[in-house]
Amino acid sequence: MSDRTVVVFDFDLTLTRWETASRFFKGLLRRQPWRLAVVALVLPVLVPLWVVPQTRQRSIRFAVWVATFGRSRQALAALAVAHADAVFGGQEPVFLAQGVERLRQHLAQGDKVVIATGCWEPLARALLEREGLQHVPLVASTLRPYLGG
C-alpha cells in the first residue's frame, strides 16, 4: 500500500481561467457562420431545454453536434491544437497561476496528482502540454460520433 497522497485538481476555473470546452466549441461555431445560423434557427427549442436543469444537456449536446458535424476526429484534434496555440498566443494567460503553483507543489512533495475535467480530452491535453503539465494524468470527456457530428 502506498503512502502517497492522491490530489485531484479540477481543470476549468481551477487551473484555467474559463470553461475551456465551451470556449472551443463556441469558436468552432463562429468559424463557419452556417453552423451558428443552424443553432440560431433552433433557439426557440433550445432555450426552454436550457432553462430546465434536467434537459440542459440536450441543448449543449445539440450545439456541440452542430460544431462538430462533418468533421473527422483527426480534424477536430487538429482544431483543438490550433485553438490551444491561439489562446496561448493571446494577451490573457490561460492558466491561473495560483492553481498551477499549488499543483506543482503537490508534485514536488511526491503526491500523486490527477487532473479531472468535463473538457474534451484532446483539448485539455493540448492546453496542458503548452503549460508543461503533459505528464500529469488526465481524466477527461470524450466525444461519440452521432449522425455525422
Protein backbone atom coordinates (compact mmCIF):
# COMPACT_ATOMS: atom_id res chain seq x y z
CA MET A 1 0.00 0.00 0.00
CA SER A 2 1.30 3.44 -0.95
CA ASP A 3 1.64 6.31 1.50
CA ARG A 4 1.39 8.86 -1.32
CA THR A 5 -1.44 11.34 -1.08
CA VAL A 6 -3.73 11.50 -4.10
CA VAL A 7 -4.76 15.02 -5.09
CA VAL A 8 -7.37 15.71 -7.78
CA PHE A 9 -7.45 19.09 -9.49
CA ASP A 10 -10.40 20.32 -11.49
CA PHE A 11 -9.34 21.81 -14.81
CA ASP A 12 -11.82 24.54 -15.70
CA LEU A 13 -11.89 27.59 -13.43
CA THR A 14 -9.41 25.97 -11.04
CA LEU A 15 -6.40 25.60 -13.32
CA THR A 16 -7.74 27.59 -16.28
CA ARG A 17 -9.42 30.99 -16.43
CA TRP A 18 -12.50 29.84 -18.33
CA GLU A 19 -14.67 26.92 -19.37
CA THR A 20 -12.28 25.60 -22.00
CA ALA A 21 -14.60 23.28 -23.93
CA SER A 22 -17.35 25.88 -24.10
CA ARG A 23 -14.90 28.44 -25.45
CA PHE A 24 -13.57 25.95 -28.02
CA PHE A 25 -16.96 24.79 -29.31
CA LYS A 26 -18.28 28.35 -29.49
CA GLY A 27 -15.22 29.17 -31.55
CA LEU A 28 -15.96 26.27 -33.89
CA LEU A 29 -19.49 27.56 -34.36
CA ARG A 30 -18.25 31.07 -35.13
CA ARG A 31 -15.68 29.86 -37.67
CA GLN A 32 -18.42 28.96 -40.09
CA PRO A 33 -21.49 31.21 -39.96
CA TRP A 34 -23.81 28.49 -41.29
CA ARG A 35 -23.19 26.48 -38.11
CA LEU A 36 -24.11 29.45 -35.95
CA ALA A 37 -27.20 30.01 -38.12
CA VAL A 38 -28.37 26.42 -37.50
CA VAL A 39 -28.11 26.92 -33.75
CA ALA A 40 -29.89 30.28 -34.01
CA LEU A 41 -32.74 28.73 -36.00
CA VAL A 42 -33.28 26.12 -33.30
CA LEU A 43 -33.05 28.57 -30.38
CA PRO A 44 -36.84 28.54 -29.78
CA VAL A 45 -36.44 24.86 -28.86
CA LEU A 46 -33.01 25.08 -27.23
CA VAL A 47 -33.76 27.92 -24.80
CA PRO A 48 -36.57 26.08 -22.96
CA LEU A 49 -34.33 22.98 -22.79
CA TRP A 50 -31.53 25.12 -21.35
CA VAL A 51 -33.76 26.60 -18.65
CA VAL A 52 -34.81 23.21 -17.23
CA PRO A 53 -31.86 21.58 -15.43
CA GLN A 54 -33.00 18.06 -16.39
CA THR A 55 -32.81 18.86 -20.12
CA ARG A 56 -29.96 21.40 -20.18
CA GLN A 57 -27.51 18.82 -21.51
CA ARG A 58 -29.62 18.28 -24.63
CA SER A 59 -29.21 21.87 -25.74
CA ILE A 60 -25.47 21.70 -25.11
CA ARG A 61 -25.17 18.41 -26.98
CA PHE A 62 -27.01 19.87 -29.95
CA ALA A 63 -24.66 22.86 -30.15
CA VAL A 64 -21.61 20.57 -29.88
CA TRP A 65 -23.10 18.32 -32.56
CA VAL A 66 -23.52 21.27 -34.93
CA ALA A 67 -19.98 22.46 -34.16
CA THR A 68 -18.53 19.03 -34.95
CA PHE A 69 -20.82 17.99 -37.81
CA GLY A 70 -18.87 16.76 -40.83
CA ARG A 71 -15.52 16.95 -39.08
CA SER A 72 -13.40 13.85 -38.53
CA ARG A 73 -11.76 13.04 -35.21
CA GLN A 74 -8.41 13.96 -36.74
CA ALA A 75 -9.73 17.31 -37.99
CA LEU A 76 -11.23 18.10 -34.58
CA ALA A 77 -7.98 17.15 -32.83
CA ALA A 78 -6.07 19.45 -35.18
CA LEU A 79 -8.55 22.25 -34.44
CA ALA A 80 -8.02 21.65 -30.70
CA VAL A 81 -4.26 22.02 -31.13
CA ALA A 82 -4.73 25.17 -33.23
CA HIS A 83 -7.09 26.57 -30.58
CA ALA A 84 -4.55 25.84 -27.82
CA ASP A 85 -1.85 27.59 -29.85
CA ALA A 86 -4.13 30.59 -30.42
CA VAL A 87 -5.15 31.06 -26.79
CA PHE A 88 -1.57 30.66 -25.60
CA GLY A 89 -0.54 33.29 -28.11
CA GLY A 90 -3.16 35.71 -26.75
CA GLN A 91 -2.78 38.51 -24.26
CA GLU A 92 -4.53 36.81 -21.34
CA PRO A 93 -2.90 33.87 -19.54
CA VAL A 94 -4.81 30.62 -19.99
CA PHE A 95 -3.88 29.10 -16.65
CA LEU A 96 -4.41 30.54 -13.20
CA ALA A 97 -1.01 30.98 -11.56
CA GLN A 98 -2.22 30.05 -8.06
CA GLY A 99 -3.78 26.79 -9.22
CA VAL A 100 -0.76 25.72 -11.25
CA GLU A 101 1.59 26.70 -8.43
CA ARG A 102 -0.39 24.56 -5.97
CA LEU A 103 -0.43 21.62 -8.40
CA ARG A 104 3.35 21.88 -8.83
CA GLN A 105 3.79 22.00 -5.04
CA HIS A 106 1.91 18.71 -4.71
CA LEU A 107 4.05 17.17 -7.44
CA ALA A 108 7.23 18.38 -5.72
CA GLN A 109 6.02 16.81 -2.45
CA GLY A 110 5.68 13.47 -4.23
CA ASP A 111 1.88 13.42 -4.17
CA LYS A 112 0.00 11.59 -6.88
CA VAL A 113 -1.77 14.35 -8.83
CA VAL A 114 -4.65 13.79 -11.26
CA ILE A 115 -6.48 16.42 -13.30
CA ALA A 116 -10.20 15.77 -13.81
CA THR A 117 -12.36 17.66 -16.26
CA GLY A 118 -15.52 17.65 -18.28
CA CYS A 119 -13.47 19.26 -21.06
CA TRP A 120 -12.84 17.24 -24.22
CA GLU A 121 -9.65 15.21 -23.72
CA PRO A 122 -7.66 16.32 -26.82
CA LEU A 123 -8.34 19.96 -25.99
CA ALA A 124 -7.40 19.63 -22.32
CA ARG A 125 -4.30 17.63 -23.30
CA ALA A 126 -3.19 20.29 -25.82
CA LEU A 127 -3.56 23.04 -23.22
CA LEU A 128 -1.73 21.06 -20.54
CA GLU A 129 1.15 20.39 -22.94
CA ARG A 130 1.60 24.10 -23.54
CA GLU A 131 1.71 24.68 -19.79
CA GLY A 132 4.31 21.92 -19.35
CA LEU A 133 1.90 19.64 -17.48
CA GLN A 134 1.60 16.87 -20.08
CA HIS A 135 2.99 14.31 -17.62
CA VAL A 136 0.12 14.77 -15.14
CA PRO A 137 -2.57 12.08 -15.52
CA LEU A 138 -5.78 13.44 -17.03
CA VAL A 139 -9.34 12.15 -16.75
CA ALA A 140 -11.43 13.97 -19.35
CA SER A 141 -14.51 13.77 -21.54
CA THR A 142 -14.78 12.13 -24.92
CA LEU A 143 -16.97 12.73 -27.95
CA ARG A 144 -19.03 9.96 -29.51
CA PRO A 145 -19.88 10.27 -33.18
CA TYR A 146 -23.59 10.58 -33.89
CA LEU A 147 -25.18 11.24 -37.27
CA GLY A 148 -22.11 12.93 -38.69
CA GLY A 149 -21.30 15.09 -35.69
